[in-house]
Amino acid sequence: MQLLGRLEIKSKERIIKFLNTQDTGRICSIDRDGFPQIIPMNFVYAGGAIYMHSHIKGEKLQNISRNPKVGFEVDKSLEFLPSYFGHPTDASQADTLYISVVIKGLGEIITDKVEKAFALNSLMEKYQPEGRYEKIRDDMHVLDEVAIIKIIPESMRGKYKVGQHMDRSTRLKIAKLITERNSPSSKETLRFMGVGLKKGTLEIVEEPDW
């Protein structure tokens, strides 16, 4: 239990910032047979809610109309830590550094055109921050051609495992092994771990505290 507490993201602001740096989330609704349906979606957190756009017809819309209770999940796998980082032969030592957020809430299909325009503009601001498009107005016909799903969170919990559960010497040892393995995500992982180079030597430059 002590370890689980150390893995929890304590800051709501950090959770929101993480959400809006990720491209894909997964919405889970319940179908007419009682099975969960999970679908990857583009999304934005804005105005205290999750917004997604969708085709005007679809099973997920029917599910939400029938049962508004939904789940939503976003995760980022930072780095796989091979088992040999900790033991030469014990496969159970393999691990993964990651960040994840799980939301439980109520979903609804937005019909108000002002809110639909707000959601679509918020999505554009997230995915196309360079601009070069005309902002959507609430009198545009395009609003009739798209459905907007809104999730109002009832609970929002985040977990992260970026080395904060390790003592400093172990974290530096793992950081060195990650550097040597040189995966495509290694530099980003070290940043999340709070490890950087000083005069050619790996050092802890910041304590990861979310």
C-alpha atoms as a PDB file:
ATOM      1  CA  MET A   1       0.000   0.000   0.000  1.00  0.00           C
ATOM      2  CA  GLN A   2       2.871   2.346   0.749  1.00  0.00           C
ATOM      3  CA  LEU A   3       4.252   1.833  -2.778  1.00  0.00           C
ATOM      4  CA  LEU A   4       0.827   2.405  -4.355  1.00  0.00           C
ATOM      5  CA  GLY A   5       0.573   5.741  -2.545  1.00  0.00           C
ATOM      6  CA  ARG A   6       3.929   6.814  -3.932  1.00  0.00           C
ATOM      7  CA  LEU A   7       2.743   6.007  -7.451  1.00  0.00           C
ATOM      8  CA  GLU A   8      -0.353   8.208  -7.279  1.00  0.00           C
ATOM      9  CA  ILE A   9      -0.336  11.581  -9.047  1.00  0.00           C
ATOM     10  CA  LYS A  10      -1.273  14.035  -6.323  1.00  0.00           C
ATOM     11  CA  SER A  11      -1.697  17.168  -8.426  1.00  0.00           C
ATOM     12  CA  LYS A  12      -4.903  17.670 -10.428  1.00  0.00           C
ATOM     13  CA  GLU A  13      -3.086  20.319 -12.462  1.00  0.00           C
ATOM     14  CA  ARG A  14      -0.435  17.738 -13.423  1.00  0.00           C
ATOM     15  CA  ILE A  15      -3.141  15.292 -14.449  1.00  0.00           C
ATOM     16  CA  ILE A  16      -4.828  17.886 -16.668  1.00  0.00           C
ATOM     17  CA  LYS A  17      -1.496  18.925 -18.208  1.00  0.00           C
ATOM     18  CA  PHE A  18      -0.681  15.279 -18.937  1.00  0.00           C
ATOM     19  CA  LEU A  19      -4.096  14.705 -20.530  1.00  0.00           C
ATOM     20  CA  ASN A  20      -3.669  17.608 -22.903  1.00  0.00           C
ATOM     21  CA  THR A  21      -0.219  16.478 -24.048  1.00  0.00           C
ATOM     22  CA  GLN A  22      -1.536  13.070 -25.166  1.00  0.00           C
ATOM     23  CA  ASP A  23      -3.129  12.420 -28.538  1.00  0.00           C
ATOM     24  CA  THR A  24      -5.310   9.401 -27.798  1.00  0.00           C
ATOM     25  CA  GLY A  25      -7.682   8.431 -25.003  1.00  0.00           C
ATOM     26  CA  ARG A  26     -10.009   5.444 -24.677  1.00  0.00           C
ATOM     27  CA  ILE A  27     -13.670   5.777 -23.827  1.00  0.00           C
ATOM     28  CA  CYS A  28     -15.471   2.803 -22.360  1.00  0.00           C
ATOM     29  CA  SER A  29     -19.268   2.588 -22.539  1.00  0.00           C
ATOM     30  CA  ILE A  30     -21.632  -0.316 -21.893  1.00  0.00           C
ATOM     31  CA  ASP A  31     -23.421  -1.900 -24.859  1.00  0.00           C
ATOM     32  CA  ARG A  32     -26.982  -3.242 -24.911  1.00  0.00           C
ATOM     33  CA  ASP A  33     -25.745  -6.709 -23.905  1.00  0.00           C
ATOM     34  CA  GLY A  34     -23.880  -5.377 -20.865  1.00  0.00           C
ATOM     35  CA  PHE A  35     -20.393  -5.690 -22.366  1.00  0.00           C
ATOM     36  CA  PRO A  36     -17.854  -2.849 -22.175  1.00  0.00           C
ATOM     37  CA  GLN A  37     -17.047  -1.222 -25.495  1.00  0.00           C
ATOM     38  CA  ILE A  38     -13.661   0.513 -25.609  1.00  0.00           C
ATOM     39  CA  ILE A  39     -12.808   2.902 -28.434  1.00  0.00           C
ATOM     40  CA  PRO A  40      -9.692   5.080 -28.961  1.00  0.00           C
ATOM     41  CA  MET A  41     -10.536   8.738 -29.521  1.00  0.00           C
ATOM     42  CA  ASN A  42      -8.970  12.155 -29.956  1.00  0.00           C
ATOM     43  CA  PHE A  43      -9.986  14.308 -27.013  1.00  0.00           C
ATOM     44  CA  VAL A  44      -9.402  17.478 -25.049  1.00  0.00           C
ATOM     45  CA  TYR A  45      -9.824  18.396 -21.393  1.00  0.00           C
ATOM     46  CA  ALA A  46     -11.443  21.824 -21.306  1.00  0.00           C
ATOM     47  CA  GLY A  47     -13.767  23.624 -18.947  1.00  0.00           C
ATOM     48  CA  GLY A  48     -13.616  20.816 -16.410  1.00  0.00           C
ATOM     49  CA  ALA A  49     -14.720  18.084 -18.818  1.00  0.00           C
ATOM     50  CA  ILE A  50     -13.471  15.712 -21.503  1.00  0.00           C
ATOM     51  CA  TYR A  51     -14.724  16.468 -25.021  1.00  0.00           C
ATOM     52  CA  MET A  52     -14.557  14.236 -28.103  1.00  0.00           C
ATOM     53  CA  HIS A  53     -16.026  14.573 -31.572  1.00  0.00           C
ATOM     54  CA  SER A  54     -17.726  11.736 -33.385  1.00  0.00           C
ATOM     55  CA  HIS A  55     -19.846  10.800 -36.379  1.00  0.00           C
ATOM     56  CA  ILE A  56     -23.501  11.578 -35.682  1.00  0.00           C
ATOM     57  CA  LYS A  57     -24.388   7.871 -35.611  1.00  0.00           C
ATOM     58  CA  GLY A  58     -22.626   5.039 -33.837  1.00  0.00           C
ATOM     59  CA  GLU A  59     -22.819   2.388 -31.156  1.00  0.00           C
ATOM     60  CA  LYS A  60     -20.970   4.435 -28.558  1.00  0.00           C
ATOM     61  CA  LEU A  61     -23.549   7.221 -28.883  1.00  0.00           C
ATOM     62  CA  GLN A  62     -26.362   4.704 -28.403  1.00  0.00           C
ATOM     63  CA  ASN A  63     -24.560   3.244 -25.393  1.00  0.00           C
ATOM     64  CA  ILE A  64     -24.148   6.642 -23.722  1.00  0.00           C
ATOM     65  CA  SER A  65     -27.763   7.599 -24.416  1.00  0.00           C
ATOM     66  CA  ARG A  66     -28.894   4.371 -22.768  1.00  0.00           C
ATOM     67  CA  ASN A  67     -26.386   4.361 -19.879  1.00  0.00           C
ATOM     68  CA  PRO A  68     -24.403   7.552 -19.185  1.00  0.00           C
ATOM     69  CA  LYS A  69     -21.879   5.875 -16.878  1.00  0.00           C
ATOM     70  CA  VAL A  70     -18.564   5.738 -18.738  1.00  0.00           C
ATOM     71  CA  GLY A  71     -14.866   5.251 -18.172  1.00  0.00           C
ATOM     72  CA  PHE A  72     -12.017   7.094 -19.865  1.00  0.00           C
ATOM     73  CA  GLU A  73      -8.320   6.205 -19.853  1.00  0.00           C
ATOM     74  CA  VAL A  74      -5.116   7.772 -21.127  1.00  0.00           C
ATOM     75  CA  ASP A  75      -1.650   6.283 -20.744  1.00  0.00           C
ATOM     76  CA  LYS A  76       1.923   6.805 -21.838  1.00  0.00           C
ATOM     77  CA  SER A  77       4.414   3.963 -21.752  1.00  0.00           C
ATOM     78  CA  LEU A  78       7.789   5.604 -21.184  1.00  0.00           C
ATOM     79  CA  GLU A  79      10.321   2.813 -21.007  1.00  0.00           C
ATOM     80  CA  PHE A  80      10.460  -0.956 -20.756  1.00  0.00           C
ATOM     81  CA  LEU A  81      13.104  -1.982 -18.230  1.00  0.00           C
ATOM     82  CA  PRO A  82      14.550  -5.355 -19.271  1.00  0.00           C
ATOM     83  CA  SER A  83      14.804  -8.014 -16.590  1.00  0.00           C
ATOM     84  CA  TYR A  84      18.616  -8.032 -16.866  1.00  0.00           C
ATOM     85  CA  PHE A  85      18.708  -4.482 -15.516  1.00  0.00           C
ATOM     86  CA  GLY A  86      18.003  -6.019 -12.116  1.00  0.00           C
ATOM     87  CA  HIS A  87      19.077  -9.680 -12.421  1.00  0.00           C
ATOM     88  CA  PRO A  88      21.030 -11.630 -15.044  1.00  0.00           C
ATOM     89  CA  THR A  89      18.371 -14.349 -15.506  1.00  0.00           C
ATOM     90  CA  ASP A  90      15.222 -13.607 -13.458  1.00  0.00           C
ATOM     91  CA  ALA A  91      12.479 -12.592 -15.931  1.00  0.00           C
ATOM     92  CA  SER A  92      10.230 -11.396 -13.099  1.00  0.00           C
ATOM     93  CA  GLN A  93      12.511  -8.365 -12.684  1.00  0.00           C
ATOM     94  CA  ALA A  94      11.256  -6.819 -15.948  1.00  0.00           C
ATOM     95  CA  ASP A  95       9.313  -3.596 -15.384  1.00  0.00           C
ATOM     96  CA  THR A  96       7.871  -0.566 -17.179  1.00  0.00           C
ATOM     97  CA  LEU A  97       7.994   3.146 -16.448  1.00  0.00           C
ATOM     98  CA  TYR A  98       4.678   4.817 -17.327  1.00  0.00           C
ATOM     99  CA  ILE A  99       2.077   7.511 -16.673  1.00  0.00           C
ATOM    100  CA  SER A 100      -1.674   6.844 -16.717  1.00  0.00           C
ATOM    101  CA  VAL A 101      -4.952   8.568 -15.865  1.00  0.00           C
ATOM    102  CA  VAL A 102      -8.304   6.840 -15.317  1.00  0.00           C
ATOM    103  CA  ILE A 103     -11.562   8.777 -15.217  1.00  0.00           C
ATOM    104  CA  LYS A 104     -15.014   7.605 -14.174  1.00  0.00           C
ATOM    105  CA  GLY A 105     -17.886   9.893 -15.018  1.00  0.00           C
ATOM    106  CA  LEU A 106     -21.125  10.637 -16.796  1.00  0.00           C
ATOM    107  CA  GLY A 107     -21.225  10.936 -20.558  1.00  0.00           C
ATOM    108  CA  GLU A 108     -23.666  12.991 -22.573  1.00  0.00           C
ATOM    109  CA  ILE A 109     -24.222  13.964 -26.192  1.00  0.00           C
ATOM    110  CA  ILE A 110     -24.048  17.748 -26.468  1.00  0.00           C
ATOM    111  CA  THR A 111     -26.757  19.478 -28.507  1.00  0.00           C
ATOM    112  CA  ASP A 112     -26.154  23.103 -27.487  1.00  0.00           C
ATOM    113  CA  LYS A 113     -24.377  24.744 -30.426  1.00  0.00           C
ATOM    114  CA  VAL A 114     -22.403  27.189 -28.299  1.00  0.00           C
ATOM    115  CA  GLU A 115     -20.930  24.327 -26.308  1.00  0.00           C
ATOM    116  CA  LYS A 116     -20.343  22.262 -29.459  1.00  0.00           C
ATOM    117  CA  ALA A 117     -18.376  25.155 -30.966  1.00  0.00           C
ATOM    118  CA  PHE A 118     -16.407  25.532 -27.723  1.00  0.00           C
ATOM    119  CA  ALA A 119     -15.524  21.821 -27.775  1.00  0.00           C
ATOM    120  CA  LEU A 120     -14.448  21.796 -31.418  1.00  0.00           C
ATOM    121  CA  ASN A 121     -12.359  24.946 -31.036  1.00  0.00           C
ATOM    122  CA  SER A 122     -10.724  23.481 -27.918  1.00  0.00           C
ATOM    123  CA  LEU A 123      -9.877  20.328 -29.883  1.00  0.00           C
ATOM    124  CA  MET A 124      -8.357  22.419 -32.688  1.00  0.00           C
ATOM    125  CA  GLU A 125      -6.308  24.465 -30.235  1.00  0.00           C
ATOM    126  CA  LYS A 126      -4.887  21.248 -28.804  1.00  0.00           C
ATOM    127  CA  TYR A 127      -4.156  19.405 -32.045  1.00  0.00           C
ATOM    128  CA  GLN A 128      -3.351  22.367 -34.317  1.00  0.00           C
ATOM    129  CA  PRO A 129      -1.725  24.946 -32.026  1.00  0.00           C
ATOM    130  CA  GLU A 130      -0.096  26.674 -34.988  1.00  0.00           C
ATOM    131  CA  GLY A 131      -3.541  27.938 -36.027  1.00  0.00           C
ATOM    132  CA  ARG A 132      -4.114  28.572 -39.773  1.00  0.00           C
ATOM    133  CA  TYR A 133      -7.827  27.760 -39.603  1.00  0.00           C
ATOM    134  CA  GLU A 134     -11.083  29.648 -39.189  1.00  0.00           C
ATOM    135  CA  LYS A 135     -12.537  29.280 -35.719  1.00  0.00           C
ATOM    136  CA  ILE A 136     -15.865  27.487 -35.580  1.00  0.00           C
ATOM    137  CA  ARG A 137     -18.887  29.657 -34.787  1.00  0.00           C
ATOM    138  CA  ASP A 138     -22.119  28.477 -33.259  1.00  0.00           C
ATOM    139  CA  ASP A 139     -24.038  29.427 -36.422  1.00  0.00           C
ATOM    140  CA  MET A 140     -22.028  27.159 -38.745  1.00  0.00           C
ATOM    141  CA  HIS A 141     -23.747  24.223 -40.448  1.00  0.00           C
ATOM    142  CA  VAL A 142     -20.770  21.963 -39.635  1.00  0.00           C
ATOM    143  CA  LEU A 143     -22.116  21.689 -36.100  1.00  0.00           C
ATOM    144  CA  ASP A 144     -25.050  19.662 -37.430  1.00  0.00           C
ATOM    145  CA  GLU A 145     -22.665  17.197 -39.070  1.00  0.00           C
ATOM    146  CA  VAL A 146     -20.721  16.172 -35.971  1.00  0.00           C
ATOM    147  CA  ALA A 147     -21.594  14.738 -32.576  1.00  0.00           C
ATOM    148  CA  ILE A 148     -19.832  15.947 -29.448  1.00  0.00           C
ATOM    149  CA  ILE A 149     -19.394  13.600 -26.506  1.00  0.00           C
ATOM    150  CA  LYS A 150     -18.806  15.178 -23.115  1.00  0.00           C
ATOM    151  CA  ILE A 151     -17.587  13.336 -20.026  1.00  0.00           C
ATOM    152  CA  ILE A 152     -18.110  15.041 -16.701  1.00  0.00           C
ATOM    153  CA  PRO A 153     -15.596  13.384 -14.327  1.00  0.00           C
ATOM    154  CA  GLU A 154     -16.851  12.040 -11.017  1.00  0.00           C
ATOM    155  CA  SER A 155     -13.392  10.698 -10.197  1.00  0.00           C
ATOM    156  CA  MET A 156     -10.044  11.297 -11.863  1.00  0.00           C
ATOM    157  CA  ARG A 157      -7.004   9.387 -10.672  1.00  0.00           C
ATOM    158  CA  GLY A 158      -3.506   9.262 -12.050  1.00  0.00           C
ATOM    159  CA  LYS A 159      -0.546   6.955 -11.525  1.00  0.00           C
ATOM    160  CA  TYR A 160       3.036   7.423 -12.550  1.00  0.00           C
ATOM    161  CA  LYS A 161       6.126   5.282 -12.233  1.00  0.00           C
ATOM    162  CA  VAL A 162       9.197   7.244 -13.285  1.00  0.00           C
ATOM    163  CA  GLY A 163      11.697   6.128 -10.686  1.00  0.00           C
ATOM    164  CA  GLN A 164      10.321   8.036  -7.678  1.00  0.00           C
ATOM    165  CA  HIS A 165       9.909   4.670  -5.896  1.00  0.00           C
ATOM    166  CA  MET A 166      13.664   4.021  -6.192  1.00  0.00           C
ATOM    167  CA  ASP A 167      16.431   5.352  -3.994  1.00  0.00           C
ATOM    168  CA  ARG A 168      18.776   7.814  -5.673  1.00  0.00           C
ATOM    169  CA  SER A 169      21.609   5.376  -6.356  1.00  0.00           C
ATOM    170  CA  THR A 170      19.247   2.818  -7.923  1.00  0.00           C
ATOM    171  CA  ARG A 171      17.600   5.514 -10.039  1.00  0.00           C
ATOM    172  CA  LEU A 172      20.973   6.639 -11.371  1.00  0.00           C
ATOM    173  CA  LYS A 173      21.975   3.032 -12.075  1.00  0.00           C
ATOM    174  CA  ILE A 174      18.752   2.463 -14.040  1.00  0.00           C
ATOM    175  CA  ALA A 175      19.199   5.792 -15.844  1.00  0.00           C
ATOM    176  CA  LYS A 176      22.705   4.721 -16.920  1.00  0.00           C
ATOM    177  CA  LEU A 177      21.378   1.389 -18.233  1.00  0.00           C
ATOM    178  CA  ILE A 178      18.565   3.172 -20.087  1.00  0.00           C
ATOM    179  CA  THR A 179      21.128   5.494 -21.682  1.00  0.00           C
ATOM    180  CA  GLU A 180      23.276   2.550 -22.756  1.00  0.00           C
ATOM    181  CA  ARG A 181      20.291   0.692 -24.201  1.00  0.00           C
ATOM    182  CA  ASN A 182      19.470   3.887 -26.137  1.00  0.00           C
ATOM    183  CA  SER A 183      15.831   3.216 -26.974  1.00  0.00           C
ATOM    184  CA  PRO A 184      13.911   5.870 -28.971  1.00  0.00           C
ATOM    185  CA  SER A 185      12.274   7.066 -25.731  1.00  0.00           C
ATOM    186  CA  SER A 186      15.384   7.060 -23.519  1.00  0.00           C
ATOM    187  CA  LYS A 187      15.987  10.834 -23.476  1.00  0.00           C
ATOM    188  CA  GLU A 188      12.361  11.605 -22.656  1.00  0.00           C
ATOM    189  CA  THR A 189      12.375   8.933 -19.942  1.00  0.00           C
ATOM    190  CA  LEU A 190      15.416  10.432 -18.242  1.00  0.00           C
ATOM    191  CA  ARG A 191      13.694  13.824 -18.261  1.00  0.00           C
ATOM    192  CA  PHE A 192      10.670  12.357 -16.490  1.00  0.00           C
ATOM    193  CA  MET A 193      13.020  10.600 -14.052  1.00  0.00           C
ATOM    194  CA  GLY A 194      14.615  13.942 -13.181  1.00  0.00           C
ATOM    195  CA  VAL A 195      18.017  12.769 -14.400  1.00  0.00           C
ATOM    196  CA  GLY A 196      20.299  14.899 -16.563  1.00  0.00           C
ATOM    197  CA  LEU A 197      23.888  15.242 -17.670  1.00  0.00           C
ATOM    198  CA  LYS A 198      26.242  17.510 -15.726  1.00  0.00           C
ATOM    199  CA  LYS A 199      29.775  17.734 -17.053  1.00  0.00           C
ATOM    200  CA  GLY A 200      29.253  14.405 -18.827  1.00  0.00           C
ATOM    201  CA  THR A 201      27.965  12.617 -15.728  1.00  0.00           C
ATOM    202  CA  LEU A 202      24.403  11.518 -15.055  1.00  0.00           C
ATOM    203  CA  GLU A 203      23.004  13.255 -11.998  1.00  0.00           C
ATOM    204  CA  ILE A 204      19.605  13.740 -10.420  1.00  0.00           C
ATOM    205  CA  VAL A 205      18.651  17.305 -11.272  1.00  0.00           C
ATOM    206  CA  GLU A 206      15.040  17.225 -10.088  1.00  0.00           C
ATOM    207  CA  GLU A 207      12.957  15.014  -7.836  1.00  0.00           C
ATOM    208  CA  PRO A 208       9.935  13.662  -9.739  1.00  0.00           C
ATOM    209  CA  ASP A 209       7.063  14.745  -7.503  1.00  0.00           C
ATOM    210  CA  TRP A 210       3.640  14.834  -9.101  1.00  0.00           C
END
